[in-house]
Amino acid sequence: IKEGKTTRHTFDLTPGKIEFVVEPWADVWRGHNGPWGFRGKKLGRTPMEPLRFWPGHHTFLLVNDELNLRRQVTVKVLPGQKSIVKEKLD
């Protein structure tokens, strides 16, 4: 952008969806890593319905406490599209 010039941009902010397919199962947490570890909000347990998110990158922690298994994943959500997270925790 230059001084005195007009620039126009369009952005598609249509929410997308993320479907979690995790074996054997996992609690899904959305959040971020910080200096004190992962902080987030529990969204549910798989299997579950696809969830809506704004376009962009989102970080999740998949946790199966019974088997002491964890995996962190980052997903890019595209406007109006569904992303599928397929993970086998072992």
PDB file of N, CA and C in Angstrom:
ATOM      1  N   ILE A   1       0.858  -1.172   0.000  1.00  0.00           N
ATOM      2  CA  ILE A   1       0.000   0.000   0.000  1.00  0.00           C
ATOM      3  C   ILE A   1       0.899   1.227   0.000  1.00  0.00           C
ATOM      4  N   LYS A   2       0.622   2.123  -0.902  1.00  0.00           N
ATOM      5  CA  LYS A   2       1.417   3.341  -1.006  1.00  0.00           C
ATOM      6  C   LYS A   2       0.585   4.542  -0.552  1.00  0.00           C
ATOM      7  N   GLU A   3       1.255   5.500   0.013  1.00  0.00           N
ATOM      8  CA  GLU A   3       0.595   6.714   0.493  1.00  0.00           C
ATOM      9  C   GLU A   3      -0.146   7.390  -0.659  1.00  0.00           C
ATOM     10  N   GLY A   4      -1.396   7.771  -0.373  1.00  0.00           N
ATOM     11  CA  GLY A   4      -2.204   8.458  -1.373  1.00  0.00           C
ATOM     12  C   GLY A   4      -2.891   7.543  -2.363  1.00  0.00           C
ATOM     13  N   LYS A   5      -2.691   6.237  -2.247  1.00  0.00           N
ATOM     14  CA  LYS A   5      -3.312   5.262  -3.156  1.00  0.00           C
ATOM     15  C   LYS A   5      -4.411   4.502  -2.415  1.00  0.00           C
ATOM     16  N   THR A   6      -5.396   4.043  -3.153  1.00  0.00           N
ATOM     17  CA  THR A   6      -6.475   3.236  -2.593  1.00  0.00           C
ATOM     18  C   THR A   6      -6.262   1.789  -3.023  1.00  0.00           C
ATOM     19  N   THR A   7      -6.359   0.891  -2.065  1.00  0.00           N
ATOM     20  CA  THR A   7      -6.226  -0.533  -2.337  1.00  0.00           C
ATOM     21  C   THR A   7      -7.436  -1.244  -1.752  1.00  0.00           C
ATOM     22  N   ARG A   8      -7.972  -2.187  -2.496  1.00  0.00           N
ATOM     23  CA  ARG A   8      -9.111  -2.958  -2.010  1.00  0.00           C
ATOM     24  C   ARG A   8      -8.746  -4.441  -1.984  1.00  0.00           C
ATOM     25  N   HIS A   9      -9.140  -5.078  -0.905  1.00  0.00           N
ATOM     26  CA  HIS A   9      -8.932  -6.513  -0.751  1.00  0.00           C
ATOM     27  C   HIS A   9     -10.232  -7.122  -0.256  1.00  0.00           C
ATOM     28  N   THR A  10     -10.495  -8.332  -0.658  1.00  0.00           N
ATOM     29  CA  THR A  10     -11.644  -9.048  -0.132  1.00  0.00           C
ATOM     30  C   THR A  10     -11.148 -10.276   0.615  1.00  0.00           C
ATOM     31  N   PHE A  11     -11.845 -10.620   1.671  1.00  0.00           N
ATOM     32  CA  PHE A  11     -11.499 -11.771   2.489  1.00  0.00           C
ATOM     33  C   PHE A  11     -12.737 -12.634   2.658  1.00  0.00           C
ATOM     34  N   ASP A  12     -12.571 -13.918   2.537  1.00  0.00           N
ATOM     35  CA  ASP A  12     -13.673 -14.848   2.765  1.00  0.00           C
ATOM     36  C   ASP A  12     -13.557 -15.371   4.187  1.00  0.00           C
ATOM     37  N   LEU A  13     -14.468 -14.950   5.039  1.00  0.00           N
ATOM     38  CA  LEU A  13     -14.446 -15.370   6.443  1.00  0.00           C
ATOM     39  C   LEU A  13     -15.544 -16.383   6.748  1.00  0.00           C
ATOM     40  N   THR A  14     -15.966 -17.121   5.725  1.00  0.00           N
ATOM     41  CA  THR A  14     -16.947 -18.178   5.936  1.00  0.00           C
ATOM     42  C   THR A  14     -16.323 -19.256   6.821  1.00  0.00           C
ATOM     43  N   PRO A  15     -16.993 -19.623   7.915  1.00  0.00           N
ATOM     44  CA  PRO A  15     -16.412 -20.667   8.774  1.00  0.00           C
ATOM     45  C   PRO A  15     -16.241 -21.989   8.017  1.00  0.00           C
ATOM     46  N   GLY A  16     -15.229 -22.732   8.431  1.00  0.00           N
ATOM     47  CA  GLY A  16     -15.022 -24.082   7.931  1.00  0.00           C
ATOM     48  C   GLY A  16     -15.315 -25.060   9.055  1.00  0.00           C
ATOM     49  N   LYS A  17     -15.138 -26.334   8.794  1.00  0.00           N
ATOM     50  CA  LYS A  17     -15.385 -27.354   9.812  1.00  0.00           C
ATOM     51  C   LYS A  17     -14.175 -28.262   9.945  1.00  0.00           C
ATOM     52  N   ILE A  18     -14.039 -28.822  11.148  1.00  0.00           N
ATOM     53  CA  ILE A  18     -13.008 -29.827  11.402  1.00  0.00           C
ATOM     54  C   ILE A  18     -13.692 -31.072  11.943  1.00  0.00           C
ATOM     55  N   GLU A  19     -13.386 -32.197  11.317  1.00  0.00           N
ATOM     56  CA  GLU A  19     -13.873 -33.494  11.788  1.00  0.00           C
ATOM     57  C   GLU A  19     -12.690 -34.243  12.386  1.00  0.00           C
ATOM     58  N   PHE A  20     -12.876 -34.780  13.584  1.00  0.00           N
ATOM     59  CA  PHE A  20     -11.823 -35.526  14.272  1.00  0.00           C
ATOM     60  C   PHE A  20     -12.136 -37.014  14.202  1.00  0.00           C
ATOM     61  N   VAL A  21     -11.208 -37.775  13.608  1.00  0.00           N
ATOM     62  CA  VAL A  21     -11.313 -39.228  13.528  1.00  0.00           C
ATOM     63  C   VAL A  21     -10.081 -39.762  14.256  1.00  0.00           C
ATOM     64  N   VAL A  22     -10.284 -40.221  15.498  1.00  0.00           N
ATOM     65  CA  VAL A  22      -9.156 -40.603  16.345  1.00  0.00           C
ATOM     66  C   VAL A  22      -9.385 -42.015  16.874  1.00  0.00           C
ATOM     67  N   GLU A  23      -8.358 -42.848  16.775  1.00  0.00           N
ATOM     68  CA  GLU A  23      -8.409 -44.205  17.335  1.00  0.00           C
ATOM     69  C   GLU A  23      -7.375 -44.315  18.441  1.00  0.00           C
ATOM     70  N   PRO A  24      -7.694 -44.881  19.612  1.00  0.00           N
ATOM     71  CA  PRO A  24      -8.974 -45.486  19.926  1.00  0.00           C
ATOM     72  C   PRO A  24     -10.046 -44.430  20.223  1.00  0.00           C
ATOM     73  N   TRP A  25      -9.776 -43.371  20.955  1.00  0.00           N
ATOM     74  CA  TRP A  25     -10.638 -42.222  21.191  1.00  0.00           C
ATOM     75  C   TRP A  25      -9.773 -41.158  21.852  1.00  0.00           C
ATOM     76  N   ALA A  26     -10.288 -39.939  21.888  1.00  0.00           N
ATOM     77  CA  ALA A  26      -9.526 -38.881  22.557  1.00  0.00           C
ATOM     78  C   ALA A  26     -10.449 -37.754  22.990  1.00  0.00           C
ATOM     79  N   ASP A  27     -10.069 -37.099  24.085  1.00  0.00           N
ATOM     80  CA  ASP A  27     -10.667 -35.826  24.438  1.00  0.00           C
ATOM     81  C   ASP A  27      -9.960 -34.785  23.586  1.00  0.00           C
ATOM     82  N   VAL A  28     -10.733 -33.874  22.992  1.00  0.00           N
ATOM     83  CA  VAL A  28     -10.179 -32.855  22.102  1.00  0.00           C
ATOM     84  C   VAL A  28     -10.142 -31.519  22.840  1.00  0.00           C
ATOM     85  N   TRP A  29      -8.946 -30.960  22.929  1.00  0.00           N
ATOM     86  CA  TRP A  29      -8.732 -29.670  23.576  1.00  0.00           C
ATOM     87  C   TRP A  29      -8.241 -28.683  22.532  1.00  0.00           C
ATOM     88  N   ARG A  30      -8.785 -27.471  22.545  1.00  0.00           N
ATOM     89  CA  ARG A  30      -8.300 -26.408  21.665  1.00  0.00           C
ATOM     90  C   ARG A  30      -7.508 -25.428  22.507  1.00  0.00           C
ATOM     91  N   GLY A  31      -6.359 -25.008  22.004  1.00  0.00           N
ATOM     92  CA  GLY A  31      -5.577 -24.071  22.780  1.00  0.00           C
ATOM     93  C   GLY A  31      -4.278 -23.714  22.120  1.00  0.00           C
ATOM     94  N   HIS A  32      -3.273 -23.473  22.960  1.00  0.00           N
ATOM     95  CA  HIS A  32      -1.967 -23.066  22.468  1.00  0.00           C
ATOM     96  C   HIS A  32      -0.891 -23.497  23.455  1.00  0.00           C
ATOM     97  N   ASN A  33       0.322 -23.575  22.964  1.00  0.00           N
ATOM     98  CA  ASN A  33       1.464 -23.865  23.821  1.00  0.00           C
ATOM     99  C   ASN A  33       2.027 -22.558  24.344  1.00  0.00           C
ATOM    100  N   GLY A  34       2.361 -22.548  25.595  1.00  0.00           N
ATOM    101  CA  GLY A  34       2.986 -21.381  26.191  1.00  0.00           C
ATOM    102  C   GLY A  34       4.153 -21.822  27.049  1.00  0.00           C
ATOM    103  N   PRO A  35       4.761 -20.891  27.762  1.00  0.00           N
ATOM    104  CA  PRO A  35       5.908 -21.253  28.600  1.00  0.00           C
ATOM    105  C   PRO A  35       5.551 -22.224  29.717  1.00  0.00           C
ATOM    106  N   TRP A  36       4.262 -22.346  30.043  1.00  0.00           N
ATOM    107  CA  TRP A  36       3.840 -23.242  31.129  1.00  0.00           C
ATOM    108  C   TRP A  36       3.102 -24.455  30.591  1.00  0.00           C
ATOM    109  N   GLY A  37       3.290 -24.766  29.308  1.00  0.00           N
ATOM    110  CA  GLY A  37       2.649 -25.937  28.728  1.00  0.00           C
ATOM    111  C   GLY A  37       1.413 -25.577  27.924  1.00  0.00           C
ATOM    112  N   PHE A  38       0.643 -26.592  27.606  1.00  0.00           N
ATOM    113  CA  PHE A  38      -0.550 -26.414  26.780  1.00  0.00           C
ATOM    114  C   PHE A  38      -1.691 -25.882  27.631  1.00  0.00           C
ATOM    115  N   ARG A  39      -2.326 -24.833  27.162  1.00  0.00           N
ATOM    116  CA  ARG A  39      -3.502 -24.267  27.842  1.00  0.00           C
ATOM    117  C   ARG A  39      -4.651 -24.259  26.849  1.00  0.00           C
ATOM    118  N   GLY A  40      -5.808 -24.711  27.287  1.00  0.00           N
ATOM    119  CA  GLY A  40      -6.903 -24.744  26.338  1.00  0.00           C
ATOM    120  C   GLY A  40      -8.246 -25.051  26.960  1.00  0.00           C
ATOM    121  N   LYS A  41      -9.212 -25.300  26.076  1.00  0.00           N
ATOM    122  CA  LYS A  41     -10.590 -25.580  26.455  1.00  0.00           C
ATOM    123  C   LYS A  41     -10.995 -26.926  25.860  1.00  0.00           C
ATOM    124  N   LYS A  42     -11.615 -27.767  26.685  1.00  0.00           N
ATOM    125  CA  LYS A  42     -12.069 -29.071  26.202  1.00  0.00           C
ATOM    126  C   LYS A  42     -13.303 -28.884  25.321  1.00  0.00           C
ATOM    127  N   LEU A  43     -13.246 -29.489  24.112  1.00  0.00           N
ATOM    128  CA  LEU A  43     -14.338 -29.367  23.160  1.00  0.00           C
ATOM    129  C   LEU A  43     -15.240 -30.592  23.121  1.00  0.00           C
ATOM    130  N   GLY A  44     -14.728 -31.739  23.580  1.00  0.00           N
ATOM    131  CA  GLY A  44     -15.534 -32.950  23.562  1.00  0.00           C
ATOM    132  C   GLY A  44     -14.672 -34.178  23.432  1.00  0.00           C
ATOM    133  N   ARG A  45     -15.346 -35.319  23.272  1.00  0.00           N
ATOM    134  CA  ARG A  45     -14.669 -36.613  23.146  1.00  0.00           C
ATOM    135  C   ARG A  45     -15.080 -37.255  21.823  1.00  0.00           C
ATOM    136  N   THR A  46     -14.090 -37.817  21.141  1.00  0.00           N
ATOM    137  CA  THR A  46     -14.398 -38.498  19.884  1.00  0.00           C
ATOM    138  C   THR A  46     -15.053 -39.841  20.184  1.00  0.00           C
ATOM    139  N   PRO A  47     -15.936 -40.311  19.322  1.00  0.00           N
ATOM    140  CA  PRO A  47     -16.388 -39.653  18.096  1.00  0.00           C
ATOM    141  C   PRO A  47     -17.342 -38.496  18.431  1.00  0.00           C
ATOM    142  N   MET A  48     -17.294 -37.433  17.615  1.00  0.00           N
ATOM    143  CA  MET A  48     -18.151 -36.275  17.806  1.00  0.00           C
ATOM    144  C   MET A  48     -18.442 -35.632  16.457  1.00  0.00           C
ATOM    145  N   GLU A  49     -19.461 -34.794  16.428  1.00  0.00           N
ATOM    146  CA  GLU A  49     -19.836 -34.097  15.201  1.00  0.00           C
ATOM    147  C   GLU A  49     -18.725 -33.117  14.796  1.00  0.00           C
ATOM    148  N   PRO A  50     -18.580 -32.834  13.497  1.00  0.00           N
ATOM    149  CA  PRO A  50     -17.607 -31.830  13.066  1.00  0.00           C
ATOM    150  C   PRO A  50     -17.890 -30.484  13.738  1.00  0.00           C
ATOM    151  N   LEU A  51     -16.831 -29.744  14.029  1.00  0.00           N
ATOM    152  CA  LEU A  51     -16.943 -28.460  14.715  1.00  0.00           C
ATOM    153  C   LEU A  51     -16.616 -27.321  13.756  1.00  0.00           C
ATOM    154  N   ARG A  52     -17.279 -26.182  13.948  1.00  0.00           N
ATOM    155  CA  ARG A  52     -17.055 -24.998  13.102  1.00  0.00           C
ATOM    156  C   ARG A  52     -15.945 -24.127  13.679  1.00  0.00           C
ATOM    157  N   PHE A  53     -15.081 -23.633  12.773  1.00  0.00           N
ATOM    158  CA  PHE A  53     -14.008 -22.725  13.166  1.00  0.00           C
ATOM    159  C   PHE A  53     -13.817 -21.673  12.086  1.00  0.00           C
ATOM    160  N   TRP A  54     -13.326 -20.515  12.502  1.00  0.00           N
ATOM    161  CA  TRP A  54     -12.986 -19.470  11.549  1.00  0.00           C
ATOM    162  C   TRP A  54     -11.771 -19.909  10.737  1.00  0.00           C
ATOM    163  N   PRO A  55     -11.639 -19.412   9.511  1.00  0.00           N
ATOM    164  CA  PRO A  55     -10.461 -19.743   8.703  1.00  0.00           C
ATOM    165  C   PRO A  55      -9.164 -19.365   9.426  1.00  0.00           C
ATOM    166  N   GLY A  56      -8.152 -20.180   9.232  1.00  0.00           N
ATOM    167  CA  GLY A  56      -6.853 -19.947   9.851  1.00  0.00           C
ATOM    168  C   GLY A  56      -6.304 -21.226  10.442  1.00  0.00           C
ATOM    169  N   HIS A  57      -5.221 -21.099  11.198  1.00  0.00           N
ATOM    170  CA  HIS A  57      -4.579 -22.247  11.841  1.00  0.00           C
ATOM    171  C   HIS A  57      -5.077 -22.375  13.280  1.00  0.00           C
ATOM    172  N   HIS A  58      -5.405 -23.603  13.663  1.00  0.00           N
ATOM    173  CA  HIS A  58      -5.898 -23.890  15.010  1.00  0.00           C
ATOM    174  C   HIS A  58      -5.116 -25.075  15.565  1.00  0.00           C
ATOM    175  N   THR A  59      -4.766 -25.003  16.855  1.00  0.00           N
ATOM    176  CA  THR A  59      -3.982 -26.062  17.500  1.00  0.00           C
ATOM    177  C   THR A  59      -4.863 -26.819  18.486  1.00  0.00           C
ATOM    178  N   PHE A  60      -4.728 -28.142  18.453  1.00  0.00           N
ATOM    179  CA  PHE A  60      -5.523 -29.015  19.312  1.00  0.00           C
ATOM    180  C   PHE A  60      -4.616 -30.018  20.004  1.00  0.00           C
ATOM    181  N   LEU A  61      -5.043 -30.444  21.183  1.00  0.00           N
ATOM    182  CA  LEU A  61      -4.380 -31.520  21.900  1.00  0.00           C
ATOM    183  C   LEU A  61      -5.376 -32.665  22.009  1.00  0.00           C
ATOM    184  N   LEU A  62      -4.972 -33.842  21.549  1.00  0.00           N
ATOM    185  CA  LEU A  62      -5.792 -35.054  21.623  1.00  0.00           C
ATOM    186  C   LEU A  62      -5.273 -35.872  22.799  1.00  0.00           C
ATOM    187  N   VAL A  63      -6.151 -36.186  23.746  1.00  0.00           N
ATOM    188  CA  VAL A  63      -5.730 -36.826  24.991  1.00  0.00           C
ATOM    189  C   VAL A  63      -6.587 -38.057  25.272  1.00  0.00           C
ATOM    190  N   ASN A  64      -5.910 -39.184  25.510  1.00  0.00           N
ATOM    191  CA  ASN A  64      -6.563 -40.390  25.996  1.00  0.00           C
ATOM    192  C   ASN A  64      -5.868 -40.736  27.309  1.00  0.00           C
ATOM    193  N   ASP A  65      -6.468 -40.293  28.439  1.00  0.00           N
ATOM    194  CA  ASP A  65      -5.850 -40.486  29.752  1.00  0.00           C
ATOM    195  C   ASP A  65      -5.827 -41.953  30.187  1.00  0.00           C
ATOM    196  N   GLU A  66      -6.799 -42.737  29.729  1.00  0.00           N
ATOM    197  CA  GLU A  66      -6.813 -44.153  30.108  1.00  0.00           C
ATOM    198  C   GLU A  66      -5.571 -44.883  29.612  1.00  0.00           C
ATOM    199  N   LEU A  67      -5.104 -44.525  28.424  1.00  0.00           N
ATOM    200  CA  LEU A  67      -3.934 -45.173  27.830  1.00  0.00           C
ATOM    201  C   LEU A  67      -2.681 -44.304  27.917  1.00  0.00           C
ATOM    202  N   ASN A  68      -2.809 -43.151  28.577  1.00  0.00           N
ATOM    203  CA  ASN A  68      -1.697 -42.213  28.740  1.00  0.00           C
ATOM    204  C   ASN A  68      -1.107 -41.793  27.383  1.00  0.00           C
ATOM    205  N   LEU A  69      -2.000 -41.403  26.457  1.00  0.00           N
ATOM    206  CA  LEU A  69      -1.591 -41.015  25.112  1.00  0.00           C
ATOM    207  C   LEU A  69      -1.987 -39.569  24.839  1.00  0.00           C
ATOM    208  N   ARG A  70      -1.085 -38.829  24.180  1.00  0.00           N
ATOM    209  CA  ARG A  70      -1.338 -37.431  23.822  1.00  0.00           C
ATOM    210  C   ARG A  70      -0.726 -37.140  22.465  1.00  0.00           C
ATOM    211  N   ARG A  71      -1.392 -36.284  21.713  1.00  0.00           N
ATOM    212  CA  ARG A  71      -0.829 -35.832  20.440  1.00  0.00           C
ATOM    213  C   ARG A  71      -1.335 -34.425  20.180  1.00  0.00           C
ATOM    214  N   GLN A  72      -0.419 -33.545  19.798  1.00  0.00           N
ATOM    215  CA  GLN A  72      -0.789 -32.183  19.440  1.00  0.00           C
ATOM    216  C   GLN A  72      -0.839 -32.078  17.920  1.00  0.00           C
ATOM    217  N   VAL A  73      -1.897 -31.437  17.405  1.00  0.00           N
ATOM    218  CA  VAL A  73      -2.037 -31.254  15.960  1.00  0.00           C
ATOM    219  C   VAL A  73      -2.423 -29.810  15.670  1.00  0.00           C
ATOM    220  N   THR A  74      -1.942 -29.298  14.538  1.00  0.00           N
ATOM    221  CA  THR A  74      -2.343 -27.987  14.060  1.00  0.00           C
ATOM    222  C   THR A  74      -3.055 -28.182  12.734  1.00  0.00           C
ATOM    223  N   VAL A  75      -4.201 -27.534  12.600  1.00  0.00           N
ATOM    224  CA  VAL A  75      -5.055 -27.722  11.432  1.00  0.00           C
ATOM    225  C   VAL A  75      -5.283 -26.378  10.756  1.00  0.00           C
ATOM    226  N   LYS A  76      -5.161 -26.355   9.427  1.00  0.00           N
ATOM    227  CA  LYS A  76      -5.474 -25.153   8.663  1.00  0.00           C
ATOM    228  C   LYS A  76      -6.910 -25.273   8.180  1.00  0.00           C
ATOM    229  N   VAL A  77      -7.750 -24.334   8.599  1.00  0.00           N
ATOM    230  CA  VAL A  77      -9.144 -24.312   8.188  1.00  0.00           C
ATOM    231  C   VAL A  77      -9.284 -23.339   7.016  1.00  0.00           C
ATOM    232  N   LEU A  78      -9.859 -23.829   5.921  1.00  0.00           N
ATOM    233  CA  LEU A  78     -10.116 -23.000   4.752  1.00  0.00           C
ATOM    234  C   LEU A  78     -11.581 -22.576   4.742  1.00  0.00           C
ATOM    235  N   PRO A  79     -11.894 -21.390   4.224  1.00  0.00           N
ATOM    236  CA  PRO A  79     -13.275 -20.899   4.227  1.00  0.00           C
ATOM    237  C   PRO A  79     -14.244 -21.879   3.576  1.00  0.00           C
ATOM    238  N   GLY A  80     -15.303 -22.217   4.315  1.00  0.00           N
ATOM    239  CA  GLY A  80     -16.361 -23.057   3.788  1.00  0.00           C
ATOM    240  C   GLY A  80     -15.994 -24.499   3.516  1.00  0.00           C
ATOM    241  N   GLN A  81     -14.813 -24.948   3.941  1.00  0.00           N
ATOM    242  CA  GLN A  81     -14.394 -26.320   3.671  1.00  0.00           C
ATOM    243  C   GLN A  81     -14.263 -27.125   4.957  1.00  0.00           C
ATOM    244  N   LYS A  82     -14.285 -28.453   4.804  1.00  0.00           N
ATOM    245  CA  LYS A  82     -14.119 -29.336   5.960  1.00  0.00           C
ATOM    246  C   LYS A  82     -12.730 -29.957   5.924  1.00  0.00           C
ATOM    247  N   SER A  83     -12.037 -29.869   7.055  1.00  0.00           N
ATOM    248  CA  SER A  83     -10.748 -30.547   7.237  1.00  0.00           C
ATOM    249  C   SER A  83     -10.993 -31.772   8.091  1.00  0.00           C
ATOM    250  N   ILE A  84     -10.258 -32.842   7.829  1.00  0.00           N
ATOM    251  CA  ILE A  84     -10.395 -34.065   8.618  1.00  0.00           C
ATOM    252  C   ILE A  84      -9.070 -34.350   9.296  1.00  0.00           C
ATOM    253  N   VAL A  85      -9.126 -34.499  10.619  1.00  0.00           N
ATOM    254  CA  VAL A  85      -7.956 -34.877  11.402  1.00  0.00           C
ATOM    255  C   VAL A  85      -8.070 -36.366  11.668  1.00  0.00           C
ATOM    256  N   LYS A  86      -7.191 -37.166  11.056  1.00  0.00           N
ATOM    257  CA  LYS A  86      -7.174 -38.610  11.277  1.00  0.00           C
ATOM    258  C   LYS A  86      -5.911 -38.938  12.051  1.00  0.00           C
ATOM    259  N   GLU A  87      -6.073 -39.458  13.252  1.00  0.00           N
ATOM    260  CA  GLU A  87      -4.928 -39.795  14.099  1.00  0.00           C
ATOM    261  C   GLU A  87      -5.142 -41.145  14.744  1.00  0.00           C
ATOM    262  N   LYS A  88      -4.098 -41.936  14.757  1.00  0.00           N
ATOM    263  CA  LYS A  88      -4.093 -43.203  15.498  1.00  0.00           C
ATOM    264  C   LYS A  88      -3.130 -43.004  16.658  1.00  0.00           C
ATOM    265  N   LEU A  89      -3.687 -42.939  17.848  1.00  0.00           N
ATOM    266  CA  LEU A  89      -2.863 -42.728  19.036  1.00  0.00           C
ATOM    267  C   LEU A  89      -2.273 -44.076  19.463  1.00  0.00           C
ATOM    268  N   ASP A  90      -0.966 -44.143  19.546  1.00  0.00           N
ATOM    269  CA  ASP A  90      -0.299 -45.364  20.036  1.00  0.00           C
ATOM    270  C   ASP A  90       1.041 -45.027  20.613  1.00  0.00           C
TER     271      ASP A  90
END
